[in-house]
Protein backbone atom coordinates (compact mmCIF):
# COMPACT_ATOMS: atom_id res chain seq x y z
CA MET A 1 -94.94 -29.54 -80.14
CA PRO A 2 -92.46 -26.79 -81.06
CA SER A 3 -94.03 -23.46 -81.84
CA GLU A 4 -94.36 -22.45 -85.47
CA PRO A 5 -91.40 -20.48 -86.84
CA GLY A 6 -91.68 -16.82 -86.00
CA SER A 7 -94.56 -17.25 -83.53
CA ARG A 8 -94.35 -15.93 -79.99
CA ARG A 9 -96.75 -16.19 -77.07
CA PRO A 10 -97.49 -13.00 -75.12
CA THR A 11 -95.74 -14.43 -72.05
CA ASP A 12 -92.62 -15.39 -74.00
CA ILE A 13 -89.61 -13.10 -74.17
CA PRO A 14 -88.95 -10.85 -77.19
CA SER A 15 -86.14 -11.53 -79.64
CA SER A 16 -84.57 -8.21 -78.66
CA ALA A 17 -83.75 -9.74 -75.27
CA LEU A 18 -80.86 -11.59 -76.94
CA ALA A 19 -78.67 -8.49 -76.63
CA ALA A 20 -79.31 -8.28 -72.88
CA PHE A 21 -78.66 -12.00 -72.48
CA LEU A 22 -75.28 -11.75 -74.20
CA GLY A 23 -74.37 -8.56 -72.36
CA ILE A 24 -75.04 -10.08 -68.93
CA THR A 25 -73.32 -13.35 -69.83
CA PHE A 26 -70.11 -11.77 -71.07
CA CYS A 27 -69.97 -9.07 -68.40
CA ILE A 28 -70.11 -11.62 -65.58
CA THR A 29 -67.59 -14.08 -67.02
CA TRP A 30 -65.13 -11.68 -68.60
CA GLY A 31 -65.39 -9.36 -65.61
CA LEU A 32 -64.60 -12.01 -63.00
CA ILE A 33 -61.86 -13.70 -65.00
CA GLY A 34 -60.52 -10.38 -66.23
CA VAL A 35 -59.66 -9.36 -62.67
CA TYR A 36 -57.35 -12.39 -62.38
CA ILE A 37 -55.81 -11.66 -65.77
CA MET A 38 -55.26 -7.92 -65.32
CA ALA A 39 -54.30 -7.93 -61.63
CA PRO A 40 -53.38 -11.54 -60.74
CA GLU A 41 -51.43 -10.81 -57.55
CA TRP A 42 -54.06 -8.48 -56.12
CA ALA A 43 -56.89 -10.85 -57.08
CA ALA A 44 -55.14 -13.86 -55.54
CA ALA A 45 -54.39 -11.96 -52.33
CA THR A 46 -57.94 -10.60 -52.09
CA PHE A 47 -60.08 -13.49 -53.30
CA GLY A 48 -57.72 -16.47 -53.19
CA GLU A 49 -55.94 -18.40 -55.91
CA VAL A 50 -58.29 -19.22 -58.76
CA SER A 51 -58.95 -22.86 -59.63
CA GLY A 52 -61.67 -25.03 -61.07
CA ALA A 53 -63.23 -25.24 -57.60
CA HIS A 54 -63.08 -21.50 -56.81
CA PRO A 55 -66.51 -19.85 -56.28
CA PHE A 56 -65.66 -17.22 -58.92
CA PHE A 57 -65.03 -19.99 -61.44
CA PHE A 58 -68.48 -21.41 -60.73
CA VAL A 59 -70.15 -18.01 -61.08
CA ALA A 60 -68.24 -17.30 -64.30
CA THR A 61 -69.34 -20.67 -65.66
CA TRP A 62 -72.94 -20.14 -64.59
CA SER A 63 -73.23 -16.72 -66.24
CA PRO A 64 -75.36 -17.96 -69.20
CA ALA A 65 -77.79 -19.54 -66.72
CA ILE A 66 -77.80 -16.43 -64.51
CA ALA A 67 -78.54 -14.28 -67.55
CA ALA A 68 -81.28 -16.67 -68.66
CA VAL A 69 -83.04 -16.58 -65.28
CA LEU A 70 -82.84 -12.78 -65.13
CA ILE A 71 -84.16 -12.35 -68.68
CA VAL A 72 -86.99 -14.86 -68.34
CA GLY A 73 -87.96 -13.56 -64.90
CA PHE A 74 -87.99 -9.95 -66.10
CA HIS A 75 -90.18 -10.62 -69.13
CA SER A 76 -92.36 -13.51 -67.93
CA GLY A 77 -92.35 -13.41 -64.12
CA ARG A 78 -92.54 -16.37 -61.77
CA SER A 79 -94.98 -18.32 -63.91
CA GLY A 80 -92.69 -17.89 -66.88
CA LEU A 81 -89.70 -19.11 -64.89
CA ARG A 82 -91.63 -22.18 -63.78
CA ALA A 83 -92.58 -22.94 -67.37
CA PHE A 84 -89.00 -22.36 -68.50
CA LEU A 85 -87.61 -24.71 -65.85
CA SER A 86 -90.23 -27.32 -66.74
CA ARG A 87 -88.14 -27.99 -69.84
CA LEU A 88 -85.90 -30.03 -67.54
CA LEU A 89 -88.78 -32.52 -67.38
CA LEU A 90 -88.80 -33.10 -71.14
CA TRP A 91 -86.87 -36.32 -70.79
CA ARG A 92 -88.18 -38.39 -73.66
CA GLY A 93 -86.01 -38.62 -76.75
CA THR A 94 -85.08 -41.13 -79.41
CA SER A 95 -82.93 -44.16 -78.68
CA GLY A 96 -80.59 -43.02 -81.44
CA TRP A 97 -79.68 -39.82 -79.60
CA ALA A 98 -79.27 -41.77 -76.37
CA VAL A 99 -76.76 -44.06 -78.09
CA PHE A 100 -75.01 -41.03 -79.54
CA ILE A 101 -74.55 -39.40 -76.13
CA VAL A 102 -73.72 -42.58 -74.19
CA LEU A 103 -71.53 -44.38 -76.73
CA VAL A 104 -70.49 -42.27 -79.73
CA LEU A 105 -69.15 -39.27 -77.79
CA PRO A 106 -66.95 -41.43 -75.50
CA LEU A 107 -65.65 -43.34 -78.52
CA VAL A 108 -64.54 -40.04 -80.07
CA PHE A 109 -62.43 -39.21 -77.02
CA VAL A 110 -61.01 -42.72 -76.78
CA ALA A 111 -60.17 -42.81 -80.49
CA GLY A 112 -58.57 -39.36 -80.34
CA SER A 113 -56.43 -40.42 -77.41
CA LEU A 114 -55.33 -43.66 -79.10
CA ILE A 115 -54.38 -41.79 -82.29
CA GLN A 116 -51.90 -39.70 -80.34
CA GLY A 117 -50.64 -42.67 -78.35
CA GLY A 118 -52.59 -41.92 -75.20
CA PRO A 119 -54.58 -44.17 -72.84
CA VAL A 120 -58.08 -45.58 -73.35
CA LEU A 121 -59.28 -43.93 -70.14
CA ALA A 122 -57.92 -41.06 -68.11
CA PRO A 123 -55.40 -42.27 -65.50
CA LEU A 124 -56.72 -42.49 -61.96
CA PRO A 125 -55.47 -39.73 -59.66
CA PRO A 126 -53.49 -40.65 -56.52
CA GLU A 127 -56.70 -40.23 -54.50
CA GLY A 128 -58.29 -43.14 -56.37
CA ALA A 129 -61.63 -43.74 -58.09
CA GLY A 130 -63.57 -41.91 -55.39
CA ALA A 131 -61.97 -38.64 -56.42
CA VAL A 132 -63.01 -39.22 -60.05
CA VAL A 133 -66.61 -39.80 -58.99
CA ALA A 134 -66.52 -36.63 -56.91
CA VAL A 135 -65.19 -34.61 -59.86
CA LEU A 136 -67.79 -36.21 -62.13
CA PHE A 137 -70.63 -34.90 -59.95
CA MET A 138 -68.94 -31.53 -59.51
CA MET A 139 -68.83 -31.25 -63.31
CA LEU A 140 -72.59 -31.74 -63.36
CA LEU A 141 -72.82 -28.41 -61.53
CA LEU A 142 -70.49 -26.62 -63.95
CA GLY A 143 -70.72 -26.91 -67.75
CA PRO A 144 -74.22 -28.42 -68.00
CA ILE A 145 -75.68 -25.43 -66.16
CA GLU A 146 -74.62 -23.25 -69.11
CA GLU A 147 -77.33 -24.92 -71.20
CA PHE A 148 -80.03 -22.90 -69.44
CA GLY A 149 -78.64 -19.98 -71.42
CA TRP A 150 -77.18 -21.32 -74.68
CA ARG A 151 -79.99 -23.74 -75.49
CA GLY A 152 -82.63 -22.38 -73.14
CA VAL A 153 -82.61 -18.78 -74.38
CA MET A 154 -80.20 -18.17 -77.26
CA GLN A 155 -81.17 -21.14 -79.45
CA PRO A 156 -84.93 -20.46 -79.55
CA LEU A 157 -84.42 -16.73 -80.10
CA LEU A 158 -82.10 -17.31 -83.07
CA GLN A 159 -84.31 -20.03 -84.55
CA ARG A 160 -87.15 -17.53 -84.86
CA HIS A 161 -85.15 -15.88 -87.62
CA MET A 162 -82.91 -18.55 -89.17
CA ALA A 163 -82.52 -22.28 -89.77
CA PRO A 164 -81.11 -24.38 -86.89
CA ILE A 165 -77.76 -24.95 -88.64
CA TRP A 166 -77.03 -21.21 -88.66
CA ALA A 167 -78.28 -20.78 -85.10
CA GLY A 168 -75.97 -23.58 -83.98
CA LEU A 169 -72.99 -22.02 -85.76
CA ILE A 170 -73.61 -18.61 -84.22
CA ILE A 171 -73.98 -20.08 -80.74
CA GLY A 172 -70.79 -22.08 -81.26
CA VAL A 173 -68.80 -18.99 -82.22
CA THR A 174 -70.27 -17.08 -79.26
CA TRP A 175 -69.59 -19.98 -76.91
CA GLY A 176 -65.99 -20.25 -78.07
CA LEU A 177 -65.28 -16.52 -77.70
CA TRP A 178 -66.94 -16.53 -74.28
CA HIS A 179 -64.30 -19.07 -73.14
CA LEU A 180 -61.38 -17.02 -74.47
CA PRO A 181 -60.30 -15.31 -71.17
CA ALA A 182 -59.92 -18.70 -69.48
CA PHE A 183 -56.99 -19.48 -71.79
CA PHE A 184 -55.05 -16.63 -70.18
CA LEU A 185 -55.86 -17.84 -66.68
CA ALA A 186 -53.36 -19.95 -64.75
CA GLY A 187 -54.68 -22.66 -62.46
CA VAL A 188 -57.43 -24.04 -64.72
CA VAL A 189 -57.37 -26.77 -67.36
CA PHE A 190 -57.75 -24.30 -70.25
CA ALA A 191 -54.23 -22.98 -69.60
CA ASP A 192 -52.81 -26.23 -71.02
CA TRP A 193 -54.94 -26.26 -74.19
CA HIS A 194 -54.69 -24.52 -77.56
CA PHE A 195 -57.52 -22.11 -78.29
CA LEU A 196 -58.06 -22.74 -82.03
CA PRO A 197 -58.91 -26.47 -81.79
CA PHE A 198 -61.03 -25.72 -78.73
CA PHE A 199 -62.86 -22.94 -80.59
CA ILE A 200 -63.52 -25.19 -83.59
CA GLY A 201 -64.70 -27.84 -81.15
CA ASN A 202 -67.15 -25.41 -79.55
CA VAL A 203 -68.66 -24.55 -82.93
CA THR A 204 -68.86 -28.23 -83.83
CA LEU A 205 -70.49 -29.22 -80.55
CA ALA A 206 -73.05 -26.42 -80.76
CA VAL A 207 -74.07 -27.73 -84.17
CA LEU A 208 -74.19 -31.33 -82.90
CA VAL A 209 -76.48 -30.56 -79.97
CA THR A 210 -78.88 -28.54 -82.13
CA PRO A 211 -80.85 -31.48 -83.61
CA ILE A 212 -80.97 -33.09 -80.16
CA PHE A 213 -82.49 -29.92 -78.71
CA ASN A 214 -85.10 -29.61 -81.45
CA SER A 215 -86.01 -33.29 -81.62
CA THR A 216 -86.75 -33.32 -77.87
CA ARG A 217 -89.05 -30.26 -78.23
CA GLY A 218 -86.67 -27.90 -76.46
CA SER A 219 -85.58 -30.15 -73.62
CA LEU A 220 -82.89 -28.75 -71.36
CA LEU A 221 -82.15 -32.15 -69.84
CA TRP A 222 -80.78 -33.71 -73.03
CA PRO A 223 -78.34 -30.89 -73.86
CA MET A 224 -77.20 -30.93 -70.23
CA LEU A 225 -76.47 -34.66 -70.43
CA PHE A 226 -74.67 -34.05 -73.75
CA HIS A 227 -72.55 -31.33 -72.11
CA TRP A 228 -71.84 -33.48 -69.05
CA GLN A 229 -70.48 -36.24 -71.27
CA LEU A 230 -68.08 -33.77 -72.89
CA ILE A 231 -66.43 -32.96 -69.54
CA ASN A 232 -66.59 -36.44 -68.06
CA PRO A 233 -63.25 -36.91 -66.23
CA VAL A 234 -63.21 -40.61 -67.14
CA TRP A 235 -62.48 -39.86 -70.80
CA PRO A 236 -58.85 -39.12 -71.75
CA ASP A 237 -57.62 -35.73 -72.91
CA ALA A 238 -57.59 -36.22 -76.67
CA GLN A 239 -57.02 -32.68 -77.93
CA PRO A 240 -56.72 -31.82 -80.74
CA TRP A 241 -57.71 -35.14 -82.30
CA ASP A 242 -61.08 -35.26 -80.58
CA THR A 243 -61.93 -31.94 -82.28
CA TRP A 244 -61.13 -33.21 -85.77
CA LEU A 245 -63.08 -36.42 -85.17
CA LEU A 246 -66.05 -34.43 -83.86
CA VAL A 247 -65.98 -32.29 -87.01
CA ALA A 248 -66.29 -35.47 -89.10
CA VAL A 249 -69.14 -36.71 -86.90
CA ALA A 250 -70.88 -33.33 -87.17
CA VAL A 251 -70.73 -33.41 -90.99
CA ILE A 252 -72.44 -36.82 -90.94
CA VAL A 253 -75.08 -35.70 -88.42
CA VAL A 254 -75.89 -32.51 -90.33
CA TRP A 255 -76.19 -34.41 -93.61
CA TRP A 256 -78.42 -37.06 -91.97
CA HIS A 257 -80.68 -34.37 -90.50
CA ARG A 258 -80.36 -31.94 -93.40
CA ARG A 259 -84.13 -31.60 -93.82
CA THR A 260 -84.60 -30.13 -90.33
CA MET A 261 -81.20 -28.50 -89.96
CA PHE A 262 -81.62 -26.27 -93.02
CA SER A 263 -85.30 -25.50 -92.49
CA ARG A 264 -87.09 -23.66 -89.70
CA THR A 265 -89.94 -26.16 -89.84
CA GLY A 266 -90.14 -27.90 -86.47
CA ALA A 267 -87.50 -25.67 -84.88
CA VAL A 268 -88.13 -24.73 -81.25
CA THR A 269 -88.69 -20.98 -81.03
CA ALA A 270 -90.30 -20.53 -77.60
CA VAL A 271 -88.10 -19.68 -74.64
CA VAL A 272 -91.06 -20.02 -72.29
CA PRO A 273 -93.00 -23.07 -73.49
CA SER A 274 -96.77 -23.13 -73.51
CA ARG A 275 -98.47 -25.03 -70.73
CA SER A 276 -99.46 -27.82 -73.10
CA ALA A 277 -95.89 -28.20 -74.35
CA SER A 278 -94.47 -28.65 -70.87
CA SER A 279 -97.19 -30.79 -69.32
CA PRO A 280 -96.67 -34.53 -68.72
CA SER A 281 -99.39 -35.40 -71.19
CA ALA A 282 -97.54 -33.53 -73.89
CA MET A 283 -94.54 -35.76 -73.34
CA GLU A 284 -96.41 -38.90 -74.24
């Protein structure tokens, strides 16, 4: 069960660690990408042209997870890290959220694409379906890894002090600003997007994943699957219509879950779960 609001086990990390988490996260991402923005020719000549497959892009994307591991390891040691990672094993959730992730999210992208006269699915590249499958699995190692930080560390720390709706909004704003340098970076998909709809989308998505995170007792697996679906290369590029449709969906979800979204009762507040919370028997 989620810990009571405001409670903290001795092996858990303190709320003050949020500042260090954000500092590490932003320093890594903005530092690496900033080199390519401020000195693009030197960076390209020294480290190679940046792209979605460049090692620096992976490290920049993983910065929330890197910060999470460093923070948890520093405050809770190896046993704390093991307990933290055990949240990947919290796989049980409601069928309603499974339908939402598997069906509703794709329908949003398809509907957004159709509204602007686009295709139902993203066109196959010249390399064929095999290339799409390869990108799909590569994406599993990009965006979803962020959830170790955003949901693994930041969400519980904020929910110790505020209702989940406000925690989700703050994470969404932070998440959106964290992406900002990528919009000034040539060679990645962000260069072709507009920041404002993307930013609003980040805030919306952070709110949407909040009840999923809390209802699964702090699972990392479910938010990772949610994130993976968002960057699935099969779905068409529907910006900005997908953002506006997601806002409408988020309003419905928040209203439906208003009892838990606007109350700290039942909110997950432990970064390092207790042994009972992460054991198989606790998942029954």
